[in-house]
């Protein structure tokens, strides 16, 4: 979220024409997996059953998410597809 706020601020001040904002979750050690397995909260089937009566635990995963953002006026001018509009951002501390 801080990266998104910084990118939006740079777009507003003219520091850039567009920005890629990304975040990751990487499981680099086995310690967390071993601790959650000992507590019995991991799914024994290793299958996600979100919002289903068959749900049987928690599953950890790795992911990368990225957004390309630019000013709304530039996207409209260029005829780019618009998936969402960020109206404002804020950070604390």
PDB file of N, CA and C in Angstrom:
ATOM      1  N   UNK A   1       0.816  -1.184   0.000  1.00  0.00           N
ATOM      2  CA  UNK A   1       0.000   0.000   0.000  1.00  0.00           C
ATOM      3  C   UNK A   1       0.865   1.255   0.000  1.00  0.00           C
ATOM      4  N   UNK A   2       1.996   1.189   0.688  1.00  0.00           N
ATOM      5  CA  UNK A   2       2.879   2.349   0.698  1.00  0.00           C
ATOM      6  C   UNK A   2       3.437   2.605  -0.691  1.00  0.00           C
ATOM      7  N   UNK A   3       3.766   1.544  -1.406  1.00  0.00           N
ATOM      8  CA  UNK A   3       4.271   1.702  -2.774  1.00  0.00           C
ATOM      9  C   UNK A   3       3.206   2.326  -3.667  1.00  0.00           C
ATOM     10  N   UNK A   4       1.954   1.932  -3.502  1.00  0.00           N
ATOM     11  CA  UNK A   4       0.866   2.514  -4.286  1.00  0.00           C
ATOM     12  C   UNK A   4       0.719   4.000  -3.968  1.00  0.00           C
ATOM     13  N   UNK A   5       0.782   4.351  -2.702  1.00  0.00           N
ATOM     14  CA  UNK A   5       0.690   5.755  -2.309  1.00  0.00           C
ATOM     15  C   UNK A   5       1.837   6.564  -2.921  1.00  0.00           C
ATOM     16  N   UNK A   6       3.038   6.034  -2.859  1.00  0.00           N
ATOM     17  CA  UNK A   6       4.200   6.727  -3.418  1.00  0.00           C
ATOM     18  C   UNK A   6       4.064   6.897  -4.926  1.00  0.00           C
ATOM     19  N   UNK A   7       3.587   5.870  -5.609  1.00  0.00           N
ATOM     20  CA  UNK A   7       3.399   5.946  -7.057  1.00  0.00           C
ATOM     21  C   UNK A   7       2.330   6.972  -7.415  1.00  0.00           C
ATOM     22  N   UNK A   8       1.230   6.991  -6.680  1.00  0.00           N
ATOM     23  CA  UNK A   8       0.166   7.973  -6.933  1.00  0.00           C
ATOM     24  C   UNK A   8       0.671   9.391  -6.691  1.00  0.00           C
ATOM     25  N   UNK A   9       1.461   9.573  -5.648  1.00  0.00           N
ATOM     26  CA  UNK A   9       2.032  10.890  -5.366  1.00  0.00           C
ATOM     27  C   UNK A   9       2.951  11.337  -6.495  1.00  0.00           C
ATOM     28  N   UNK A  10       3.755  10.416  -7.020  1.00  0.00           N
ATOM     29  CA  UNK A  10       4.655  10.745  -8.129  1.00  0.00           C
ATOM     30  C   UNK A  10       3.864  11.108  -9.384  1.00  0.00           C
ATOM     31  N   UNK A  11       2.761  10.421  -9.625  1.00  0.00           N
ATOM     32  CA  UNK A  11       1.914  10.759 -10.772  1.00  0.00           C
ATOM     33  C   UNK A  11       1.305  12.151 -10.608  1.00  0.00           C
ATOM     34  N   UNK A  12       0.847  12.470  -9.403  1.00  0.00           N
ATOM     35  CA  UNK A  12       0.229  13.774  -9.148  1.00  0.00           C
ATOM     36  C   UNK A  12       1.213  14.927  -9.285  1.00  0.00           C
ATOM     37  N   UNK A  13       2.443  14.723  -8.875  1.00  0.00           N
ATOM     38  CA  UNK A  13       3.441  15.798  -8.916  1.00  0.00           C
ATOM     39  C   UNK A  13       4.187  15.856 -10.239  1.00  0.00           C
ATOM     40  N   UNK A  14       3.890  14.933 -11.149  1.00  0.00           N
ATOM     41  CA  UNK A  14       4.568  14.938 -12.444  1.00  0.00           C
ATOM     42  C   UNK A  14       5.912  14.241 -12.435  1.00  0.00           C
ATOM     43  N   UNK A  15       6.190  13.486 -11.392  1.00  0.00           N
ATOM     44  CA  UNK A  15       7.460  12.772 -11.299  1.00  0.00           C
ATOM     45  C   UNK A  15       7.593  11.621 -12.270  1.00  0.00           C
ATOM     46  N   UNK A  16       6.457  11.129 -12.782  1.00  0.00           N
ATOM     47  CA  UNK A  16       6.479  10.041 -13.760  1.00  0.00           C
ATOM     48  C   UNK A  16       5.192  10.056 -14.565  1.00  0.00           C
ATOM     49  N   UNK A  17       5.196   9.362 -15.676  1.00  0.00           N
ATOM     50  CA  UNK A  17       4.012   9.263 -16.537  1.00  0.00           C
ATOM     51  C   UNK A  17       3.192   8.012 -16.235  1.00  0.00           C
ATOM     52  N   UNK A  18       3.821   7.016 -15.648  1.00  0.00           N
ATOM     53  CA  UNK A  18       3.172   5.768 -15.281  1.00  0.00           C
ATOM     54  C   UNK A  18       4.047   5.045 -14.277  1.00  0.00           C
ATOM     55  N   UNK A  19       3.464   4.081 -13.568  1.00  0.00           N
ATOM     56  CA  UNK A  19       4.235   3.373 -12.548  1.00  0.00           C
ATOM     57  C   UNK A  19       3.755   1.932 -12.431  1.00  0.00           C
ATOM     58  N   UNK A  20       4.687   1.056 -12.120  1.00  0.00           N
ATOM     59  CA  UNK A  20       4.361  -0.336 -11.806  1.00  0.00           C
ATOM     60  C   UNK A  20       4.471  -0.486 -10.291  1.00  0.00           C
ATOM     61  N   UNK A  21       3.392  -0.926  -9.677  1.00  0.00           N
ATOM     62  CA  UNK A  21       3.343  -1.138  -8.229  1.00  0.00           C
ATOM     63  C   UNK A  21       3.199  -2.642  -8.012  1.00  0.00           C
ATOM     64  N   UNK A  22       4.090  -3.216  -7.231  1.00  0.00           N
ATOM     65  CA  UNK A  22       4.068  -4.673  -7.061  1.00  0.00           C
ATOM     66  C   UNK A  22       4.308  -5.053  -5.610  1.00  0.00           C
ATOM     67  N   UNK A  23       3.857  -6.239  -5.264  1.00  0.00           N
ATOM     68  CA  UNK A  23       4.087  -6.800  -3.939  1.00  0.00           C
ATOM     69  C   UNK A  23       4.222  -8.308  -4.053  1.00  0.00           C
ATOM     70  N   UNK A  24       4.918  -8.899  -3.106  1.00  0.00           N
ATOM     71  CA  UNK A  24       5.134 -10.347  -3.143  1.00  0.00           C
ATOM     72  C   UNK A  24       4.935 -10.964  -1.772  1.00  0.00           C
ATOM     73  N   UNK A  25       4.696 -12.262  -1.772  1.00  0.00           N
ATOM     74  CA  UNK A  25       4.720 -13.068  -0.562  1.00  0.00           C
ATOM     75  C   UNK A  25       5.553 -14.295  -0.900  1.00  0.00           C
ATOM     76  N   UNK A  26       6.727 -14.379  -0.311  1.00  0.00           N
ATOM     77  CA  UNK A  26       7.619 -15.502  -0.565  1.00  0.00           C
ATOM     78  C   UNK A  26       7.868 -16.259   0.730  1.00  0.00           C
ATOM     79  N   UNK A  27       7.775 -17.564   0.654  1.00  0.00           N
ATOM     80  CA  UNK A  27       8.053 -18.422   1.809  1.00  0.00           C
ATOM     81  C   UNK A  27       9.499 -18.889   1.663  1.00  0.00           C
ATOM     82  N   UNK A  28      10.395 -18.259   2.409  1.00  0.00           N
ATOM     83  CA  UNK A  28      11.817 -18.510   2.241  1.00  0.00           C
ATOM     84  C   UNK A  28      12.381 -19.546   3.213  1.00  0.00           C
ATOM     85  N   UNK A  29      11.673 -19.812   4.294  1.00  0.00           N
ATOM     86  CA  UNK A  29      12.148 -20.820   5.240  1.00  0.00           C
ATOM     87  C   UNK A  29      11.013 -21.794   5.539  1.00  0.00           C
ATOM     88  N   UNK A  30      11.364 -22.915   6.067  1.00  0.00           N
ATOM     89  CA  UNK A  30      10.361 -23.934   6.398  1.00  0.00           C
ATOM     90  C   UNK A  30       9.825 -23.768   7.816  1.00  0.00           C
ATOM     91  N   UNK A  31      10.425 -22.877   8.581  1.00  0.00           N
ATOM     92  CA  UNK A  31      10.038 -22.709   9.990  1.00  0.00           C
ATOM     93  C   UNK A  31       8.545 -22.424  10.157  1.00  0.00           C
ATOM     94  N   UNK A  32       8.025 -21.478   9.400  1.00  0.00           N
ATOM     95  CA  UNK A  32       6.600 -21.121   9.525  1.00  0.00           C
ATOM     96  C   UNK A  32       5.721 -22.329   9.199  1.00  0.00           C
ATOM     97  N   UNK A  33       6.071 -23.061   8.147  1.00  0.00           N
ATOM     98  CA  UNK A  33       5.285 -24.234   7.759  1.00  0.00           C
ATOM     99  C   UNK A  33       5.308 -25.294   8.865  1.00  0.00           C
ATOM    100  N   UNK A  34       6.473 -25.520   9.440  1.00  0.00           N
ATOM    101  CA  UNK A  34       6.596 -26.531  10.492  1.00  0.00           C
ATOM    102  C   UNK A  34       5.772 -26.143  11.723  1.00  0.00           C
ATOM    103  N   UNK A  35       5.796 -24.864  12.085  1.00  0.00           N
ATOM    104  CA  UNK A  35       5.044 -24.417  13.261  1.00  0.00           C
ATOM    105  C   UNK A  35       3.539 -24.537  13.046  1.00  0.00           C
ATOM    106  N   UNK A  36       3.050 -24.145  11.866  1.00  0.00           N
ATOM    107  CA  UNK A  36       1.615 -24.256  11.612  1.00  0.00           C
ATOM    108  C   UNK A  36       1.190 -25.714  11.474  1.00  0.00           C
ATOM    109  N   UNK A  37       2.061 -26.564  10.966  1.00  0.00           N
ATOM    110  CA  UNK A  37       1.753 -27.994  10.878  1.00  0.00           C
ATOM    111  C   UNK A  37       1.640 -28.597  12.283  1.00  0.00           C
ATOM    112  N   UNK A  38       2.528 -28.207  13.193  1.00  0.00           N
ATOM    113  CA  UNK A  38       2.481 -28.704  14.570  1.00  0.00           C
ATOM    114  C   UNK A  38       1.193 -28.280  15.276  1.00  0.00           C
ATOM    115  N   UNK A  39       0.694 -27.094  14.936  1.00  0.00           N
ATOM    116  CA  UNK A  39      -0.538 -26.609  15.546  1.00  0.00           C
ATOM    117  C   UNK A  39      -1.781 -27.250  14.944  1.00  0.00           C
ATOM    118  N   UNK A  40      -1.626 -27.953  13.817  1.00  0.00           N
ATOM    119  CA  UNK A  40      -2.741 -28.645  13.181  1.00  0.00           C
ATOM    120  C   UNK A  40      -3.687 -27.752  12.404  1.00  0.00           C
ATOM    121  N   UNK A  41      -3.209 -26.587  11.978  1.00  0.00           N
ATOM    122  CA  UNK A  41      -4.101 -25.680  11.252  1.00  0.00           C
ATOM    123  C   UNK A  41      -3.936 -25.758   9.733  1.00  0.00           C
ATOM    124  N   UNK A  42      -2.943 -26.485   9.255  1.00  0.00           N
ATOM    125  CA  UNK A  42      -2.778 -26.638   7.808  1.00  0.00           C
ATOM    126  C   UNK A  42      -3.758 -27.675   7.273  1.00  0.00           C
ATOM    127  N   UNK A  43      -4.205 -27.474   6.052  1.00  0.00           N
ATOM    128  CA  UNK A  43      -5.132 -28.405   5.415  1.00  0.00           C
ATOM    129  C   UNK A  43      -4.418 -29.721   5.093  1.00  0.00           C
ATOM    130  N   UNK A  44      -4.937 -30.852   5.573  1.00  0.00           N
ATOM    131  CA  UNK A  44      -4.304 -32.135   5.247  1.00  0.00           C
ATOM    132  C   UNK A  44      -4.461 -32.520   3.776  1.00  0.00           C
ATOM    133  N   UNK A  45      -5.460 -31.955   3.092  1.00  0.00           N
ATOM    134  CA  UNK A  45      -5.659 -32.278   1.676  1.00  0.00           C
ATOM    135  C   UNK A  45      -4.886 -31.349   0.754  1.00  0.00           C
ATOM    136  N   UNK A  46      -4.343 -30.247   1.302  1.00  0.00           N
ATOM    137  CA  UNK A  46      -3.611 -29.257   0.504  1.00  0.00           C
ATOM    138  C   UNK A  46      -4.443 -28.683  -0.639  1.00  0.00           C
ATOM    139  N   UNK A  47      -5.759 -28.611  -0.443  1.00  0.00           N
ATOM    140  CA  UNK A  47      -6.665 -28.073  -1.446  1.00  0.00           C
ATOM    141  C   UNK A  47      -7.451 -26.931  -0.819  1.00  0.00           C
ATOM    142  N   UNK A  48      -7.609 -25.851  -1.549  1.00  0.00           N
ATOM    143  CA  UNK A  48      -8.373 -24.710  -1.055  1.00  0.00           C
ATOM    144  C   UNK A  48      -9.866 -24.967  -1.205  1.00  0.00           C
ATOM    145  N   UNK A  49     -10.587 -24.854  -0.107  1.00  0.00           N
ATOM    146  CA  UNK A  49     -12.042 -25.012  -0.114  1.00  0.00           C
ATOM    147  C   UNK A  49     -12.680 -23.770   0.518  1.00  0.00           C
ATOM    148  N   UNK A  50     -12.294 -22.596   0.041  1.00  0.00           N
ATOM    149  CA  UNK A  50     -12.798 -21.358   0.630  1.00  0.00           C
ATOM    150  C   UNK A  50     -14.321 -21.291   0.545  1.00  0.00           C
ATOM    151  N   UNK A  51     -14.960 -20.871   1.647  1.00  0.00           N
ATOM    152  CA  UNK A  51     -16.412 -20.699   1.732  1.00  0.00           C
ATOM    153  C   UNK A  51     -17.176 -21.985   1.415  1.00  0.00           C
ATOM    154  N   UNK A  52     -16.620 -23.121   1.802  1.00  0.00           N
ATOM    155  CA  UNK A  52     -17.205 -24.427   1.502  1.00  0.00           C
ATOM    156  C   UNK A  52     -17.209 -25.256   2.788  1.00  0.00           C
ATOM    157  N   UNK A  53     -18.209 -26.098   2.947  1.00  0.00           N
ATOM    158  CA  UNK A  53     -18.274 -26.973   4.121  1.00  0.00           C
ATOM    159  C   UNK A  53     -17.119 -27.971   4.138  1.00  0.00           C
ATOM    160  N   UNK A  54     -16.492 -28.206   2.978  1.00  0.00           N
ATOM    161  CA  UNK A  54     -15.370 -29.150   2.895  1.00  0.00           C
ATOM    162  C   UNK A  54     -14.054 -28.525   3.369  1.00  0.00           C
ATOM    163  N   UNK A  55     -14.070 -27.262   3.753  1.00  0.00           N
ATOM    164  CA  UNK A  55     -12.849 -26.598   4.212  1.00  0.00           C
ATOM    165  C   UNK A  55     -12.271 -27.350   5.399  1.00  0.00           C
ATOM    166  N   UNK A  56     -10.962 -27.613   5.350  1.00  0.00           N
ATOM    167  CA  UNK A  56     -10.342 -28.412   6.406  1.00  0.00           C
ATOM    168  C   UNK A  56      -9.026 -27.818   6.906  1.00  0.00           C
ATOM    169  N   UNK A  57      -8.819 -26.539   6.719  1.00  0.00           N
ATOM    170  CA  UNK A  57      -7.603 -25.923   7.235  1.00  0.00           C
ATOM    171  C   UNK A  57      -7.104 -24.792   6.365  1.00  0.00           C
ATOM    172  N   UNK A  58      -5.913 -24.394   6.682  1.00  0.00           N
ATOM    173  CA  UNK A  58      -5.267 -23.225   6.091  1.00  0.00           C
ATOM    174  C   UNK A  58      -4.192 -23.690   5.119  1.00  0.00           C
ATOM    175  N   UNK A  59      -4.042 -22.999   4.016  1.00  0.00           N
ATOM    176  CA  UNK A  59      -2.985 -23.317   3.060  1.00  0.00           C
ATOM    177  C   UNK A  59      -2.133 -22.098   2.782  1.00  0.00           C
ATOM    178  N   UNK A  60      -0.824 -22.247   2.834  1.00  0.00           N
ATOM    179  CA  UNK A  60       0.085 -21.140   2.563  1.00  0.00           C
ATOM    180  C   UNK A  60       0.429 -21.128   1.082  1.00  0.00           C
ATOM    181  N   UNK A  61       0.709 -19.968   0.568  1.00  0.00           N
ATOM    182  CA  UNK A  61       1.070 -19.862  -0.830  1.00  0.00           C
ATOM    183  C   UNK A  61       1.957 -18.669  -1.103  1.00  0.00           C
ATOM    184  N   UNK A  62       2.653 -18.740  -2.221  1.00  0.00           N
ATOM    185  CA  UNK A  62       3.492 -17.642  -2.663  1.00  0.00           C
ATOM    186  C   UNK A  62       2.791 -16.942  -3.817  1.00  0.00           C
ATOM    187  N   UNK A  63       3.035 -15.659  -3.937  1.00  0.00           N
ATOM    188  CA  UNK A  63       2.381 -14.917  -5.014  1.00  0.00           C
ATOM    189  C   UNK A  63       3.129 -13.628  -5.312  1.00  0.00           C
ATOM    190  N   UNK A  64       2.888 -13.128  -6.502  1.00  0.00           N
ATOM    191  CA  UNK A  64       3.358 -11.814  -6.912  1.00  0.00           C
ATOM    192  C   UNK A  64       2.165 -11.112  -7.540  1.00  0.00           C
ATOM    193  N   UNK A  65       1.909  -9.894  -7.117  1.00  0.00           N
ATOM    194  CA  UNK A  65       0.838  -9.092  -7.706  1.00  0.00           C
ATOM    195  C   UNK A  65       1.419  -7.779  -8.197  1.00  0.00           C
ATOM    196  N   UNK A  66       0.954  -7.301  -9.351  1.00  0.00           N
ATOM    197  CA  UNK A  66       1.477  -6.050  -9.895  1.00  0.00           C
ATOM    198  C   UNK A  66       0.368  -5.264 -10.587  1.00  0.00           C
ATOM    199  N   UNK A  67       0.456  -3.954 -10.493  1.00  0.00           N
ATOM    200  CA  UNK A  67      -0.467  -3.034 -11.154  1.00  0.00           C
ATOM    201  C   UNK A  67       0.337  -2.043 -11.976  1.00  0.00           C
ATOM    202  N   UNK A  68      -0.182  -1.690 -13.143  1.00  0.00           N
ATOM    203  CA  UNK A  68       0.384  -0.565 -13.889  1.00  0.00           C
ATOM    204  C   UNK A  68      -0.613   0.571 -13.752  1.00  0.00           C
ATOM    205  N   UNK A  69      -0.156   1.698 -13.223  1.00  0.00           N
ATOM    206  CA  UNK A  69      -1.066   2.824 -13.028  1.00  0.00           C
ATOM    207  C   UNK A  69      -0.567   4.034 -13.803  1.00  0.00           C
ATOM    208  N   UNK A  70      -1.525   4.860 -14.211  1.00  0.00           N
ATOM    209  CA  UNK A  70      -1.222   6.128 -14.869  1.00  0.00           C
ATOM    210  C   UNK A  70      -2.356   7.088 -14.590  1.00  0.00           C
ATOM    211  N   UNK A  71      -2.168   8.337 -14.944  1.00  0.00           N
ATOM    212  CA  UNK A  71      -3.214   9.340 -14.730  1.00  0.00           C
ATOM    213  C   UNK A  71      -4.455   8.984 -15.537  1.00  0.00           C
ATOM    214  N   UNK A  72      -5.640   9.229 -14.966  1.00  0.00           N
ATOM    215  CA  UNK A  72      -6.890   8.948 -15.658  1.00  0.00           C
ATOM    216  C   UNK A  72      -6.975   9.729 -16.961  1.00  0.00           C
ATOM    217  N   UNK A  73      -6.562  10.976 -16.945  1.00  0.00           N
ATOM    218  CA  UNK A  73      -6.617  11.794 -18.162  1.00  0.00           C
ATOM    219  C   UNK A  73      -5.756  11.195 -19.273  1.00  0.00           C
ATOM    220  N   UNK A  74      -4.588  10.656 -18.928  1.00  0.00           N
ATOM    221  CA  UNK A  74      -3.714  10.025 -19.924  1.00  0.00           C
ATOM    222  C   UNK A  74      -4.321   8.736 -20.455  1.00  0.00           C
ATOM    223  N   UNK A  75      -4.933   7.953 -19.566  1.00  0.00           N
ATOM    224  CA  UNK A  75      -5.560   6.699 -19.996  1.00  0.00           C
ATOM    225  C   UNK A  75      -6.726   6.974 -20.942  1.00  0.00           C
ATOM    226  N   UNK A  76      -7.533   7.989 -20.631  1.00  0.00           N
ATOM    227  CA  UNK A  76      -8.653   8.348 -21.510  1.00  0.00           C
ATOM    228  C   UNK A  76      -8.149   8.862 -22.855  1.00  0.00           C
ATOM    229  N   UNK A  77      -7.112   9.692 -22.821  1.00  0.00           N
ATOM    230  CA  UNK A  77      -6.537  10.246 -24.048  1.00  0.00           C
ATOM    231  C   UNK A  77      -5.979   9.149 -24.952  1.00  0.00           C
ATOM    232  N   UNK A  78      -5.362   8.131 -24.343  1.00  0.00           N
ATOM    233  CA  UNK A  78      -4.742   7.045 -25.109  1.00  0.00           C
ATOM    234  C   UNK A  78      -5.709   5.916 -25.450  1.00  0.00           C
ATOM    235  N   UNK A  79      -6.933   5.977 -24.932  1.00  0.00           N
ATOM    236  CA  UNK A  79      -7.901   4.909 -25.188  1.00  0.00           C
ATOM    237  C   UNK A  79      -7.569   3.607 -24.486  1.00  0.00           C
ATOM    238  N   UNK A  80      -6.868   3.691 -23.369  1.00  0.00           N
ATOM    239  CA  UNK A  80      -6.491   2.488 -22.612  1.00  0.00           C
ATOM    240  C   UNK A  80      -7.703   1.924 -21.880  1.00  0.00           C
ATOM    241  N   UNK A  81      -7.738   0.596 -21.704  1.00  0.00           N
ATOM    242  CA  UNK A  81      -8.813   0.024 -20.874  1.00  0.00           C
ATOM    243  C   UNK A  81      -8.600   0.459 -19.419  1.00  0.00           C
ATOM    244  N   UNK A  82      -9.679   0.834 -18.746  1.00  0.00           N
ATOM    245  CA  UNK A  82      -9.599   1.292 -17.361  1.00  0.00           C
ATOM    246  C   UNK A  82     -10.314   0.263 -16.495  1.00  0.00           C
ATOM    247  N   UNK A  83      -9.580  -0.369 -15.605  1.00  0.00           N
ATOM    248  CA  UNK A  83     -10.135  -1.403 -14.732  1.00  0.00           C
ATOM    249  C   UNK A  83     -10.628  -0.819 -13.406  1.00  0.00           C
ATOM    250  N   UNK A  84     -10.011   0.268 -12.967  1.00  0.00           N
ATOM    251  CA  UNK A  84     -10.390   0.900 -11.705  1.00  0.00           C
ATOM    252  C   UNK A  84      -9.828   2.312 -11.676  1.00  0.00           C
ATOM    253  N   UNK A  85     -10.395   3.135 -10.805  1.00  0.00           N
ATOM    254  CA  UNK A  85      -9.913   4.499 -10.602  1.00  0.00           C
ATOM    255  C   UNK A  85      -9.552   4.648  -9.130  1.00  0.00           C
ATOM    256  N   UNK A  86      -8.335   5.073  -8.868  1.00  0.00           N
ATOM    257  CA  UNK A  86      -7.882   5.320  -7.499  1.00  0.00           C
ATOM    258  C   UNK A  86      -8.210   6.781  -7.186  1.00  0.00           C
ATOM    259  N   UNK A  87      -9.109   6.983  -6.246  1.00  0.00           N
ATOM    260  CA  UNK A  87      -9.555   8.341  -5.936  1.00  0.00           C
ATOM    261  C   UNK A  87      -8.624   9.039  -4.947  1.00  0.00           C
ATOM    262  N   UNK A  88      -8.027   8.291  -4.040  1.00  0.00           N
ATOM    263  CA  UNK A  88      -7.076   8.894  -3.106  1.00  0.00           C
ATOM    264  C   UNK A  88      -6.304   7.787  -2.394  1.00  0.00           C
ATOM    265  N   UNK A  89      -5.191   8.163  -1.804  1.00  0.00           N
ATOM    266  CA  UNK A  89      -4.405   7.232  -0.994  1.00  0.00           C
ATOM    267  C   UNK A  89      -3.906   7.987   0.242  1.00  0.00           C
ATOM    268  N   UNK A  90      -3.519   7.257   1.250  1.00  0.00           N
ATOM    269  CA  UNK A  90      -2.956   7.851   2.456  1.00  0.00           C
ATOM    270  C   UNK A  90      -2.113   6.801   3.156  1.00  0.00           C
ATOM    271  N   UNK A  91      -1.114   7.248   3.887  1.00  0.00           N
ATOM    272  CA  UNK A  91      -0.298   6.339   4.685  1.00  0.00           C
ATOM    273  C   UNK A  91      -0.166   6.920   6.091  1.00  0.00           C
ATOM    274  N   UNK A  92       0.220   6.076   7.009  1.00  0.00           N
ATOM    275  CA  UNK A  92       0.386   6.472   8.393  1.00  0.00           C
ATOM    276  C   UNK A  92       1.775   6.082   8.847  1.00  0.00           C
ATOM    277  N   UNK A  93       2.420   6.915   9.553  1.00  0.00           N
ATOM    278  CA  UNK A  93       3.762   6.758  10.124  1.00  0.00           C
ATOM    279  C   UNK A  93       4.781   6.430   9.073  1.00  0.00           C
TER     280      UNK A  93
END
